[in-house]
Amino acid sequence: MTLSPHSSWAKSPRHFNPFQTEPFKVIERELNVRVIDKYMVFMPNDEKVVVEKFVLYSFWNAKDEEMEFVAEVCPPVDTNSNLGK
C-alpha cells in the first residue's frame, strides 16, 4: 500500500478484523500505528507488527512524503463483504 503525505483516512474510525490478523511491514519511510491506546512508529528496518483479530487499531502517514508498506490479511478473506461471509 502507498499512503499519501499526511493521510488521515485510516485514523478514524479505529477498526478491528473479526476473522484474521493483519501483519504490517514498512517498505519505505515510516508508518504510524495505534493499537488499542498505544501509539507506535515503524520504520523499514523494524520487524513486522502483527495486529491480532478483535484488537482496535488504525494507521496513518504523518510525514510530508508518500510512504509504502505491506499489509497482509491472515487468513485471507473477502474484506469487502459483510463480515467476511
PDB file of N, CA and C in Angstrom:
ATOM      1  N   MET A   1       0.847  -1.171   0.000  1.00  0.00           N
ATOM      2  CA  MET A   1       0.000   0.000   0.000  1.00  0.00           C
ATOM      3  C   MET A   1       0.892   1.233   0.000  1.00  0.00           C
ATOM      4  N   THR A   2       0.370   2.301  -0.540  1.00  0.00           N
ATOM      5  CA  THR A   2       1.030   3.601  -0.502  1.00  0.00           C
ATOM      6  C   THR A   2       0.082   4.575   0.182  1.00  0.00           C
ATOM      7  N   LEU A   3       0.616   5.304   1.162  1.00  0.00           N
ATOM      8  CA  LEU A   3      -0.186   6.321   1.840  1.00  0.00           C
ATOM      9  C   LEU A   3       0.325   7.696   1.445  1.00  0.00           C
ATOM     10  N   SER A   4      -0.572   8.565   1.088  1.00  0.00           N
ATOM     11  CA  SER A   4      -0.230   9.939   0.731  1.00  0.00           C
ATOM     12  C   SER A   4       0.309  10.689   1.942  1.00  0.00           C
ATOM     13  N   PRO A   5       1.031  11.779   1.692  1.00  0.00           N
ATOM     14  CA  PRO A   5       1.507  12.598   2.822  1.00  0.00           C
ATOM     15  C   PRO A   5       0.342  13.045   3.707  1.00  0.00           C
ATOM     16  N   HIS A   6       0.568  12.972   4.981  1.00  0.00           N
ATOM     17  CA  HIS A   6      -0.420  13.397   5.992  1.00  0.00           C
ATOM     18  C   HIS A   6      -1.778  12.729   5.822  1.00  0.00           C
ATOM     19  N   SER A   7      -1.774  11.494   5.378  1.00  0.00           N
ATOM     20  CA  SER A   7      -3.048  10.789   5.213  1.00  0.00           C
ATOM     21  C   SER A   7      -3.697  10.585   6.563  1.00  0.00           C
ATOM     22  N   SER A   8      -4.986  10.782   6.604  1.00  0.00           N
ATOM     23  CA  SER A   8      -5.701  10.596   7.865  1.00  0.00           C
ATOM     24  C   SER A   8      -6.909   9.690   7.700  1.00  0.00           C
ATOM     25  N   TRP A   9      -7.154   9.194   6.487  1.00  0.00           N
ATOM     26  CA  TRP A   9      -8.338   8.374   6.239  1.00  0.00           C
ATOM     27  C   TRP A   9      -8.330   7.105   7.075  1.00  0.00           C
ATOM     28  N   ALA A  10      -7.169   6.590   7.416  1.00  0.00           N
ATOM     29  CA  ALA A  10      -7.117   5.335   8.165  1.00  0.00           C
ATOM     30  C   ALA A  10      -7.161   5.552   9.675  1.00  0.00           C
ATOM     31  N   LYS A  11      -7.075   6.796  10.143  1.00  0.00           N
ATOM     32  CA  LYS A  11      -7.044   7.041  11.581  1.00  0.00           C
ATOM     33  C   LYS A  11      -8.400   6.927  12.233  1.00  0.00           C
ATOM     34  N   SER A  12      -9.442   7.279  11.535  1.00  0.00           N
ATOM     35  CA  SER A  12     -10.734   7.357  12.178  1.00  0.00           C
ATOM     36  C   SER A  12     -11.800   6.803  11.246  1.00  0.00           C
ATOM     37  N   PRO A  13     -12.665   5.964  11.662  1.00  0.00           N
ATOM     38  CA  PRO A  13     -12.659   5.381  12.998  1.00  0.00           C
ATOM     39  C   PRO A  13     -11.672   4.222  13.088  1.00  0.00           C
ATOM     40  N   ARG A  14     -11.257   3.967  14.304  1.00  0.00           N
ATOM     41  CA  ARG A  14     -10.442   2.770  14.507  1.00  0.00           C
ATOM     42  C   ARG A  14     -11.303   1.576  14.164  1.00  0.00           C
ATOM     43  N   HIS A  15     -10.665   0.491  13.812  1.00  0.00           N
ATOM     44  CA  HIS A  15     -11.418  -0.689  13.409  1.00  0.00           C
ATOM     45  C   HIS A  15     -10.702  -1.950  13.892  1.00  0.00           C
ATOM     46  N   PHE A  16     -11.340  -3.086  13.714  1.00  0.00           N
ATOM     47  CA  PHE A  16     -10.710  -4.364  14.032  1.00  0.00           C
ATOM     48  C   PHE A  16     -11.133  -5.372  12.988  1.00  0.00           C
ATOM     49  N   ASN A  17     -10.359  -6.426  12.892  1.00  0.00           N
ATOM     50  CA  ASN A  17     -10.670  -7.518  11.976  1.00  0.00           C
ATOM     51  C   ASN A  17     -11.241  -8.671  12.794  1.00  0.00           C
ATOM     52  N   PRO A  18     -12.462  -9.093  12.541  1.00  0.00           N
ATOM     53  CA  PRO A  18     -13.073 -10.151  13.349  1.00  0.00           C
ATOM     54  C   PRO A  18     -12.612 -11.556  12.986  1.00  0.00           C
ATOM     55  N   PHE A  19     -12.001 -11.735  11.824  1.00  0.00           N
ATOM     56  CA  PHE A  19     -11.674 -13.088  11.377  1.00  0.00           C
ATOM     57  C   PHE A  19     -10.204 -13.326  11.109  1.00  0.00           C
ATOM     58  N   GLN A  20      -9.361 -12.304  11.155  1.00  0.00           N
ATOM     59  CA  GLN A  20      -7.975 -12.504  10.780  1.00  0.00           C
ATOM     60  C   GLN A  20      -7.038 -11.537  11.495  1.00  0.00           C
ATOM     61  N   THR A  21      -5.758 -11.894  11.477  1.00  0.00           N
ATOM     62  CA  THR A  21      -4.715 -10.988  11.944  1.00  0.00           C
ATOM     63  C   THR A  21      -4.256 -10.160  10.753  1.00  0.00           C
ATOM     64  N   GLU A  22      -3.553  -9.066  11.039  1.00  0.00           N
ATOM     65  CA  GLU A  22      -3.047  -8.221   9.962  1.00  0.00           C
ATOM     66  C   GLU A  22      -1.615  -7.786  10.269  1.00  0.00           C
ATOM     67  N   PRO A  23      -0.653  -8.471   9.671  1.00  0.00           N
ATOM     68  CA  PRO A  23       0.745  -8.042   9.821  1.00  0.00           C
ATOM     69  C   PRO A  23       1.059  -6.869   8.895  1.00  0.00           C
ATOM     70  N   PHE A  24       1.873  -5.921   9.383  1.00  0.00           N
ATOM     71  CA  PHE A  24       2.339  -4.786   8.604  1.00  0.00           C
ATOM     72  C   PHE A  24       3.857  -4.832   8.526  1.00  0.00           C
ATOM     73  N   LYS A  25       4.413  -4.493   7.380  1.00  0.00           N
ATOM     74  CA  LYS A  25       5.862  -4.359   7.203  1.00  0.00           C
ATOM     75  C   LYS A  25       6.113  -3.099   6.381  1.00  0.00           C
ATOM     76  N   VAL A  26       6.880  -2.169   6.944  1.00  0.00           N
ATOM     77  CA  VAL A  26       7.173  -0.908   6.268  1.00  0.00           C
ATOM     78  C   VAL A  26       8.250  -1.144   5.211  1.00  0.00           C
ATOM     79  N   ILE A  27       8.008  -0.628   4.017  1.00  0.00           N
ATOM     80  CA  ILE A  27       8.959  -0.729   2.922  1.00  0.00           C
ATOM     81  C   ILE A  27       9.769   0.562   2.794  1.00  0.00           C
ATOM     82  N   GLU A  28       9.071   1.704   2.875  1.00  0.00           N
ATOM     83  CA  GLU A  28       9.728   2.992   2.698  1.00  0.00           C
ATOM     84  C   GLU A  28       9.107   4.033   3.619  1.00  0.00           C
ATOM     85  N   ARG A  29       9.957   4.801   4.267  1.00  0.00           N
ATOM     86  CA  ARG A  29       9.596   5.867   5.195  1.00  0.00           C
ATOM     87  C   ARG A  29       9.134   5.299   6.542  1.00  0.00           C
ATOM     88  N   GLU A  30       8.019   5.789   7.091  1.00  0.00           N
ATOM     89  CA  GLU A  30       7.562   5.296   8.395  1.00  0.00           C
ATOM     90  C   GLU A  30       6.044   5.238   8.439  1.00  0.00           C
ATOM     91  N   LEU A  31       5.544   4.338   9.284  1.00  0.00           N
ATOM     92  CA  LEU A  31       4.110   4.118   9.432  1.00  0.00           C
ATOM     93  C   LEU A  31       3.731   4.351  10.882  1.00  0.00           C
ATOM     94  N   ASN A  32       2.753   5.209  11.108  1.00  0.00           N
ATOM     95  CA  ASN A  32       2.216   5.430  12.446  1.00  0.00           C
ATOM     96  C   ASN A  32       1.079   4.446  12.664  1.00  0.00           C
ATOM     97  N   VAL A  33       1.093   3.797  13.816  1.00  0.00           N
ATOM     98  CA  VAL A  33       0.082   2.799  14.142  1.00  0.00           C
ATOM     99  C   VAL A  33      -0.407   3.039  15.561  1.00  0.00           C
ATOM    100  N   ARG A  34      -1.708   2.954  15.726  1.00  0.00           N
ATOM    101  CA  ARG A  34      -2.303   2.989  17.063  1.00  0.00           C
ATOM    102  C   ARG A  34      -2.979   1.643  17.264  1.00  0.00           C
ATOM    103  N   VAL A  35      -2.544   0.909  18.286  1.00  0.00           N
ATOM    104  CA  VAL A  35      -3.143  -0.376  18.645  1.00  0.00           C
ATOM    105  C   VAL A  35      -3.711  -0.205  20.046  1.00  0.00           C
ATOM    106  N   ILE A  36      -5.027  -0.344  20.147  1.00  0.00           N
ATOM    107  CA  ILE A  36      -5.781  -0.022  21.360  1.00  0.00           C
ATOM    108  C   ILE A  36      -5.449   1.429  21.697  1.00  0.00           C
ATOM    109  N   ASP A  37      -4.712   1.716  22.757  1.00  0.00           N
ATOM    110  CA  ASP A  37      -4.347   3.091  23.083  1.00  0.00           C
ATOM    111  C   ASP A  37      -2.840   3.317  23.062  1.00  0.00           C
ATOM    112  N   LYS A  38      -2.109   2.452  22.396  1.00  0.00           N
ATOM    113  CA  LYS A  38      -0.655   2.575  22.301  1.00  0.00           C
ATOM    114  C   LYS A  38      -0.283   3.075  20.903  1.00  0.00           C
ATOM    115  N   TYR A  39       0.496   4.167  20.855  1.00  0.00           N
ATOM    116  CA  TYR A  39       0.963   4.726  19.593  1.00  0.00           C
ATOM    117  C   TYR A  39       2.368   4.213  19.306  1.00  0.00           C
ATOM    118  N   MET A  40       2.608   3.822  18.048  1.00  0.00           N
ATOM    119  CA  MET A  40       3.916   3.321  17.647  1.00  0.00           C
ATOM    120  C   MET A  40       4.268   3.875  16.279  1.00  0.00           C
ATOM    121  N   VAL A  41       5.556   3.947  15.989  1.00  0.00           N
ATOM    122  CA  VAL A  41       6.045   4.337  14.676  1.00  0.00           C
ATOM    123  C   VAL A  41       6.978   3.232  14.200  1.00  0.00           C
ATOM    124  N   PHE A  42       6.719   2.728  12.988  1.00  0.00           N
ATOM    125  CA  PHE A  42       7.513   1.637  12.437  1.00  0.00           C
ATOM    126  C   PHE A  42       8.291   2.112  11.225  1.00  0.00           C
ATOM    127  N   MET A  43       9.538   1.640  11.143  1.00  0.00           N
ATOM    128  CA  MET A  43      10.469   2.003  10.081  1.00  0.00           C
ATOM    129  C   MET A  43      10.792   0.761   9.252  1.00  0.00           C
ATOM    130  N   PRO A  44      11.417   0.950   8.076  1.00  0.00           N
ATOM    131  CA  PRO A  44      11.731  -0.194   7.219  1.00  0.00           C
ATOM    132  C   PRO A  44      12.583  -1.286   7.874  1.00  0.00           C
ATOM    133  N   ASN A  45      13.453  -0.947   8.771  1.00  0.00           N
ATOM    134  CA  ASN A  45      14.314  -1.963   9.406  1.00  0.00           C
ATOM    135  C   ASN A  45      13.639  -2.689  10.563  1.00  0.00           C
ATOM    136  N   ASP A  46      12.450  -2.266  10.947  1.00  0.00           N
ATOM    137  CA  ASP A  46      11.737  -2.902  12.055  1.00  0.00           C
ATOM    138  C   ASP A  46      11.121  -4.225  11.619  1.00  0.00           C
ATOM    139  N   GLU A  47      10.895  -5.083  12.580  1.00  0.00           N
ATOM    140  CA  GLU A  47      10.185  -6.332  12.333  1.00  0.00           C
ATOM    141  C   GLU A  47       8.740  -6.027  11.963  1.00  0.00           C
ATOM    142  N   LYS A  48       8.060  -7.009  11.410  1.00  0.00           N
ATOM    143  CA  LYS A  48       6.628  -6.858  11.149  1.00  0.00           C
ATOM    144  C   LYS A  48       5.904  -6.625  12.465  1.00  0.00           C
ATOM    145  N   VAL A  49       4.872  -5.809  12.404  1.00  0.00           N
ATOM    146  CA  VAL A  49       3.971  -5.675  13.541  1.00  0.00           C
ATOM    147  C   VAL A  49       2.715  -6.450  13.169  1.00  0.00           C
ATOM    148  N   VAL A  50       2.218  -7.236  14.102  1.00  0.00           N
ATOM    149  CA  VAL A  50       1.034  -8.044  13.839  1.00  0.00           C
ATOM    150  C   VAL A  50      -0.089  -7.579  14.750  1.00  0.00           C
ATOM    151  N   VAL A  51      -1.202  -7.183  14.135  1.00  0.00           N
ATOM    152  CA  VAL A  51      -2.392  -6.805  14.887  1.00  0.00           C
ATOM    153  C   VAL A  51      -3.306  -8.025  14.910  1.00  0.00           C
ATOM    154  N   GLU A  52      -3.617  -8.491  16.094  1.00  0.00           N
ATOM    155  CA  GLU A  52      -4.452  -9.682  16.259  1.00  0.00           C
ATOM    156  C   GLU A  52      -5.923  -9.354  15.992  1.00  0.00           C
ATOM    157  N   LYS A  53      -6.709 -10.379  15.716  1.00  0.00           N
ATOM    158  CA  LYS A  53      -8.131 -10.161  15.484  1.00  0.00           C
ATOM    159  C   LYS A  53      -8.795  -9.630  16.749  1.00  0.00           C
ATOM    160  N   PHE A  54      -9.835  -8.853  16.579  1.00  0.00           N
ATOM    161  CA  PHE A  54     -10.624  -8.210  17.635  1.00  0.00           C
ATOM    162  C   PHE A  54      -9.855  -7.147  18.413  1.00  0.00           C
ATOM    163  N   VAL A  55      -8.725  -6.663  17.889  1.00  0.00           N
ATOM    164  CA  VAL A  55      -7.951  -5.598  18.529  1.00  0.00           C
ATOM    165  C   VAL A  55      -8.156  -4.317  17.720  1.00  0.00           C
ATOM    166  N   LEU A  56      -8.609  -3.253  18.388  1.00  0.00           N
ATOM    167  CA  LEU A  56      -8.818  -1.972  17.713  1.00  0.00           C
ATOM    168  C   LEU A  56      -7.486  -1.380  17.274  1.00  0.00           C
ATOM    169  N   TYR A  57      -7.438  -0.913  16.021  1.00  0.00           N
ATOM    170  CA  TYR A  57      -6.212  -0.296  15.520  1.00  0.00           C
ATOM    171  C   TYR A  57      -6.525   0.684  14.402  1.00  0.00           C
ATOM    172  N   SER A  58      -5.525   1.498  14.096  1.00  0.00           N
ATOM    173  CA  SER A  58      -5.566   2.401  12.955  1.00  0.00           C
ATOM    174  C   SER A  58      -4.132   2.667  12.527  1.00  0.00           C
ATOM    175  N   PHE A  59      -3.952   3.188  11.320  1.00  0.00           N
ATOM    176  CA  PHE A  59      -2.615   3.511  10.834  1.00  0.00           C
ATOM    177  C   PHE A  59      -2.698   4.727   9.932  1.00  0.00           C
ATOM    178  N   TRP A  60      -1.574   5.459   9.811  1.00  0.00           N
ATOM    179  CA  TRP A  60      -1.557   6.662   9.003  1.00  0.00           C
ATOM    180  C   TRP A  60      -0.123   7.084   8.700  1.00  0.00           C
ATOM    181  N   ASN A  61      -0.003   8.041   7.786  1.00  0.00           N
ATOM    182  CA  ASN A  61       1.270   8.629   7.409  1.00  0.00           C
ATOM    183  C   ASN A  61       1.289  10.059   7.922  1.00  0.00           C
ATOM    184  N   ALA A  62       2.167  10.357   8.846  1.00  0.00           N
ATOM    185  CA  ALA A  62       2.236  11.693   9.436  1.00  0.00           C
ATOM    186  C   ALA A  62       3.267  12.595   8.754  1.00  0.00           C
ATOM    187  N   LYS A  63       3.966  12.081   7.765  1.00  0.00           N
ATOM    188  CA  LYS A  63       5.068  12.817   7.138  1.00  0.00           C
ATOM    189  C   LYS A  63       4.645  13.559   5.874  1.00  0.00           C
ATOM    190  N   ASP A  64       5.588  14.315   5.305  1.00  0.00           N
ATOM    191  CA  ASP A  64       5.359  15.125   4.109  1.00  0.00           C
ATOM    192  C   ASP A  64       5.580  14.361   2.807  1.00  0.00           C
ATOM    193  N   GLU A  65       5.951  13.097   2.874  1.00  0.00           N
ATOM    194  CA  GLU A  65       6.203  12.300   1.687  1.00  0.00           C
ATOM    195  C   GLU A  65       5.350  11.038   1.717  1.00  0.00           C
ATOM    196  N   GLU A  66       5.081  10.470   0.537  1.00  0.00           N
ATOM    197  CA  GLU A  66       4.385   9.186   0.478  1.00  0.00           C
ATOM    198  C   GLU A  66       5.192   8.130   1.218  1.00  0.00           C
ATOM    199  N   MET A  67       4.500   7.162   1.758  1.00  0.00           N
ATOM    200  CA  MET A  67       5.185   6.028   2.385  1.00  0.00           C
ATOM    201  C   MET A  67       4.575   4.752   1.846  1.00  0.00           C
ATOM    202  N   GLU A  68       5.353   3.659   1.913  1.00  0.00           N
ATOM    203  CA  GLU A  68       4.886   2.373   1.415  1.00  0.00           C
ATOM    204  C   GLU A  68       5.015   1.312   2.498  1.00  0.00           C
ATOM    205  N   PHE A  69       4.030   0.423   2.528  1.00  0.00           N
ATOM    206  CA  PHE A  69       4.082  -0.705   3.440  1.00  0.00           C
ATOM    207  C   PHE A  69       3.288  -1.861   2.857  1.00  0.00           C
ATOM    208  N   VAL A  70       3.525  -3.026   3.409  1.00  0.00           N
ATOM    209  CA  VAL A  70       2.791  -4.228   3.017  1.00  0.00           C
ATOM    210  C   VAL A  70       1.894  -4.600   4.183  1.00  0.00           C
ATOM    211  N   ALA A  71       0.637  -4.860   3.890  1.00  0.00           N
ATOM    212  CA  ALA A  71      -0.315  -5.343   4.889  1.00  0.00           C
ATOM    213  C   ALA A  71      -0.859  -6.677   4.385  1.00  0.00           C
ATOM    214  N   GLU A  72      -0.833  -7.670   5.246  1.00  0.00           N
ATOM    215  CA  GLU A  72      -1.366  -8.985   4.899  1.00  0.00           C
ATOM    216  C   GLU A  72      -2.651  -9.215   5.680  1.00  0.00           C
ATOM    217  N   VAL A  73      -3.525 -10.010   5.150  1.00  0.00           N
ATOM    218  CA  VAL A  73      -4.740 -10.415   5.863  1.00  0.00           C
ATOM    219  C   VAL A  73      -4.649 -11.929   6.013  1.00  0.00           C
ATOM    220  N   CYS A  74      -4.533 -12.395   7.270  1.00  0.00           N
ATOM    221  CA  CYS A  74      -4.284 -13.817   7.541  1.00  0.00           C
ATOM    222  C   CYS A  74      -5.343 -14.399   8.476  1.00  0.00           C
ATOM    223  N   PRO A  75      -6.100 -15.382   8.079  1.00  0.00           N
ATOM    224  CA  PRO A  75      -6.153 -15.963   6.743  1.00  0.00           C
ATOM    225  C   PRO A  75      -6.884 -15.020   5.797  1.00  0.00           C
ATOM    226  N   PRO A  76      -6.608 -15.145   4.497  1.00  0.00           N
ATOM    227  CA  PRO A  76      -7.262 -14.248   3.546  1.00  0.00           C
ATOM    228  C   PRO A  76      -8.763 -14.505   3.494  1.00  0.00           C
ATOM    229  N   VAL A  77      -9.525 -13.435   3.571  1.00  0.00           N
ATOM    230  CA  VAL A  77     -10.977 -13.498   3.422  1.00  0.00           C
ATOM    231  C   VAL A  77     -11.392 -12.297   2.581  1.00  0.00           C
ATOM    232  N   ASP A  78     -12.611 -12.307   2.121  1.00  0.00           N
ATOM    233  CA  ASP A  78     -13.139 -11.188   1.349  1.00  0.00           C
ATOM    234  C   ASP A  78     -13.462 -10.063   2.321  1.00  0.00           C
ATOM    235  N   THR A  79     -12.580  -9.072   2.398  1.00  0.00           N
ATOM    236  CA  THR A  79     -12.775  -7.971   3.352  1.00  0.00           C
ATOM    237  C   THR A  79     -13.798  -6.960   2.878  1.00  0.00           C
ATOM    238  N   ASN A  80     -14.294  -7.102   1.644  1.00  0.00           N
ATOM    239  CA  ASN A  80     -15.307  -6.184   1.131  1.00  0.00           C
ATOM    240  C   ASN A  80     -16.728  -6.689   1.372  1.00  0.00           C
ATOM    241  N   SER A  81     -16.859  -7.906   1.839  1.00  0.00           N
ATOM    242  CA  SER A  81     -18.199  -8.449   2.059  1.00  0.00           C
ATOM    243  C   SER A  81     -18.640  -8.200   3.510  1.00  0.00           C
ATOM    244  N   ASN A  82     -19.858  -8.537   3.796  1.00  0.00           N
ATOM    245  CA  ASN A  82     -20.423  -8.354   5.114  1.00  0.00           C
ATOM    246  C   ASN A  82     -19.830  -9.369   6.091  1.00  0.00           C
ATOM    247  N   LEU A  83     -18.932  -8.913   6.958  1.00  0.00           N
ATOM    248  CA  LEU A  83     -18.309  -9.749   7.984  1.00  0.00           C
ATOM    249  C   LEU A  83     -17.607 -10.981   7.414  1.00  0.00           C
ATOM    250  N   GLY A  84     -17.053 -10.848   6.222  1.00  0.00           N
ATOM    251  CA  GLY A  84     -16.247 -11.924   5.646  1.00  0.00           C
ATOM    252  C   GLY A  84     -17.043 -13.109   5.156  1.00  0.00           C
ATOM    253  N   LYS A  85     -18.385 -13.015   5.103  1.00  0.00           N
ATOM    254  CA  LYS A  85     -19.210 -14.151   4.672  1.00  0.00           C
ATOM    255  C   LYS A  85     -19.263 -14.231   3.171  1.00  0.00           C
TER     256      LYS A  85
END
